[in-house]
Amino acid sequence: MIDAELMKILCCPETHQGLRPAEGALIEKLNQQIAAGKLQNRAGRNVEGPIEAGLVRADGRYLYPVRRNLPIMLVDEAIAAAIPR
C-alpha cells in the first residue's frame, strides 16, 4: 500500500501520533457505511465513493483514507474509526 519509509515519517496532522495501516475488516465496514450513505467525515460531509485503504491514528480514533494510493492527510477528511488499540 504505502512505502515503508513514508510510513515512518507520516503522522496525524492534528495530534502528531503515529499511524498504522487499517485492517481489511475495518475498510470493508466503512465501505458498507459509505455505500449506505451513512458515513461522514470530521467536517460533517458524507464520504463519497469507497476507500481503498486507510491509515489509523495510534489511538484508534480516526482513519485517514487512502485514495488512488495517496493518503489524504487532512483533519477534516478523517473518518471516525471505532476500533480497539
C-alpha atoms as a PDB file:
ATOM      1  CA  MET A   1       0.000   0.000   0.000  1.00  0.00           C
ATOM      2  CA  ILE A   2       2.310   2.781   1.228  1.00  0.00           C
ATOM      3  CA  ASP A   3       6.086   2.666   1.145  1.00  0.00           C
ATOM      4  CA  ALA A   4       7.637   1.637   4.476  1.00  0.00           C
ATOM      5  CA  GLU A   5       9.942   4.668   4.511  1.00  0.00           C
ATOM      6  CA  LEU A   6       6.988   7.004   4.019  1.00  0.00           C
ATOM      7  CA  MET A   7       5.085   5.265   6.841  1.00  0.00           C
ATOM      8  CA  LYS A   8       7.973   6.084   9.196  1.00  0.00           C
ATOM      9  CA  ILE A   9       7.523   9.821   8.700  1.00  0.00           C
ATOM     10  CA  LEU A  10       3.733  10.113   8.327  1.00  0.00           C
ATOM     11  CA  CYS A  11       1.818  11.208  11.404  1.00  0.00           C
ATOM     12  CA  CYS A  12      -1.575  12.565  12.291  1.00  0.00           C
ATOM     13  CA  PRO A  13      -1.666  16.267  11.301  1.00  0.00           C
ATOM     14  CA  GLU A  14      -3.748  17.066  14.380  1.00  0.00           C
ATOM     15  CA  THR A  15      -2.033  15.200  17.236  1.00  0.00           C
ATOM     16  CA  HIS A  16       1.232  14.047  15.593  1.00  0.00           C
ATOM     17  CA  GLN A  17       0.540  10.465  16.701  1.00  0.00           C
ATOM     18  CA  GLY A  18       1.921   7.668  14.587  1.00  0.00           C
ATOM     19  CA  LEU A  19      -0.232   5.871  12.036  1.00  0.00           C
ATOM     20  CA  ARG A  20      -0.707   2.241  11.064  1.00  0.00           C
ATOM     21  CA  PRO A  21      -2.365   0.630   8.064  1.00  0.00           C
ATOM     22  CA  ALA A  22      -6.049  -0.168   8.596  1.00  0.00           C
ATOM     23  CA  GLU A  23      -7.095  -3.796   8.639  1.00  0.00           C
ATOM     24  CA  GLY A  24      -9.241  -5.100   5.804  1.00  0.00           C
ATOM     25  CA  ALA A  25     -12.224  -5.695   8.081  1.00  0.00           C
ATOM     26  CA  LEU A  26     -12.335  -2.013   9.050  1.00  0.00           C
ATOM     27  CA  ILE A  27     -12.085  -0.873   5.429  1.00  0.00           C
ATOM     28  CA  GLU A  28     -14.905  -3.245   4.492  1.00  0.00           C
ATOM     29  CA  LYS A  29     -17.102  -1.990   7.357  1.00  0.00           C
ATOM     30  CA  LEU A  30     -16.513   1.650   6.410  1.00  0.00           C
ATOM     31  CA  ASN A  31     -17.187   0.966   2.719  1.00  0.00           C
ATOM     32  CA  GLN A  32     -20.504  -0.645   3.663  1.00  0.00           C
ATOM     33  CA  GLN A  33     -21.436   2.507   5.589  1.00  0.00           C
ATOM     34  CA  ILE A  34     -20.351   4.667   2.641  1.00  0.00           C
ATOM     35  CA  ALA A  35     -22.499   2.614   0.246  1.00  0.00           C
ATOM     36  CA  ALA A  36     -25.466   3.086   2.577  1.00  0.00           C
ATOM     37  CA  GLY A  37     -24.861   6.858   2.694  1.00  0.00           C
ATOM     38  CA  LYS A  38     -24.328   6.748   6.456  1.00  0.00           C
ATOM     39  CA  LEU A  39     -20.664   7.736   6.860  1.00  0.00           C
ATOM     40  CA  GLN A  40     -19.482  11.289   7.416  1.00  0.00           C
ATOM     41  CA  ASN A  41     -16.003  12.708   7.791  1.00  0.00           C
ATOM     42  CA  ARG A  42     -14.952  15.070  10.558  1.00  0.00           C
ATOM     43  CA  ALA A  43     -16.161  18.053   8.534  1.00  0.00           C
ATOM     44  CA  GLY A  44     -19.667  16.560   8.630  1.00  0.00           C
ATOM     45  CA  ARG A  45     -19.799  15.785   4.901  1.00  0.00           C
ATOM     46  CA  ASN A  46     -20.898  12.398   3.589  1.00  0.00           C
ATOM     47  CA  VAL A  47     -17.944  10.330   2.412  1.00  0.00           C
ATOM     48  CA  GLU A  48     -18.290   9.771  -1.336  1.00  0.00           C
ATOM     49  CA  GLY A  49     -17.084   6.605  -3.025  1.00  0.00           C
ATOM     50  CA  PRO A  50     -15.340   3.632  -1.459  1.00  0.00           C
ATOM     51  CA  ILE A  51     -11.915   3.920   0.121  1.00  0.00           C
ATOM     52  CA  GLU A  52      -9.078   1.638  -0.994  1.00  0.00           C
ATOM     53  CA  ALA A  53      -7.230   1.621   2.292  1.00  0.00           C
ATOM     54  CA  GLY A  54      -6.608   3.817   5.298  1.00  0.00           C
ATOM     55  CA  LEU A  55      -4.173   4.893   7.949  1.00  0.00           C
ATOM     56  CA  VAL A  56      -5.397   4.643  11.516  1.00  0.00           C
ATOM     57  CA  ARG A  57      -4.170   7.031  14.195  1.00  0.00           C
ATOM     58  CA  ALA A  58      -2.258   5.337  17.022  1.00  0.00           C
ATOM     59  CA  ASP A  59      -5.133   5.852  19.475  1.00  0.00           C
ATOM     60  CA  GLY A  60      -7.531   4.160  17.025  1.00  0.00           C
ATOM     61  CA  ARG A  61      -9.998   7.056  16.960  1.00  0.00           C
ATOM     62  CA  TYR A  62      -9.604   8.224  13.356  1.00  0.00           C
ATOM     63  CA  LEU A  63      -8.738   6.847   9.951  1.00  0.00           C
ATOM     64  CA  TYR A  64      -7.215   8.892   7.156  1.00  0.00           C
ATOM     65  CA  PRO A  65      -8.472   7.468   3.855  1.00  0.00           C
ATOM     66  CA  VAL A  66      -6.169   6.376   1.049  1.00  0.00           C
ATOM     67  CA  ARG A  67      -7.443   7.081  -2.458  1.00  0.00           C
ATOM     68  CA  ARG A  68      -5.523   6.289  -5.645  1.00  0.00           C
ATOM     69  CA  ASN A  69      -2.621   5.186  -3.424  1.00  0.00           C
ATOM     70  CA  LEU A  70      -2.393   8.636  -1.818  1.00  0.00           C
ATOM     71  CA  PRO A  71      -3.097   9.165   1.880  1.00  0.00           C
ATOM     72  CA  ILE A  72      -5.475  12.068   2.450  1.00  0.00           C
ATOM     73  CA  MET A  73      -3.849  13.662   5.486  1.00  0.00           C
ATOM     74  CA  LEU A  74      -6.393  16.408   6.196  1.00  0.00           C
ATOM     75  CA  VAL A  75      -8.110  16.610   9.590  1.00  0.00           C
ATOM     76  CA  ASP A  76     -11.498  17.382   8.009  1.00  0.00           C
ATOM     77  CA  GLU A  77     -11.250  14.252   5.792  1.00  0.00           C
ATOM     78  CA  ALA A  78     -10.571  11.897   8.732  1.00  0.00           C
ATOM     79  CA  ILE A  79     -13.228   9.301   9.475  1.00  0.00           C
ATOM     80  CA  ALA A  80     -14.172   8.109  12.954  1.00  0.00           C
ATOM     81  CA  ALA A  81     -12.915   4.549  13.432  1.00  0.00           C
ATOM     82  CA  ALA A  82     -14.269   2.741  16.495  1.00  0.00           C
ATOM     83  CA  ILE A  83     -11.559   0.098  16.763  1.00  0.00           C
ATOM     84  CA  PRO A  84      -9.514  -1.107  19.712  1.00  0.00           C
ATOM     85  CA  ARG A  85      -5.843  -0.285  20.007  1.00  0.00           C
END
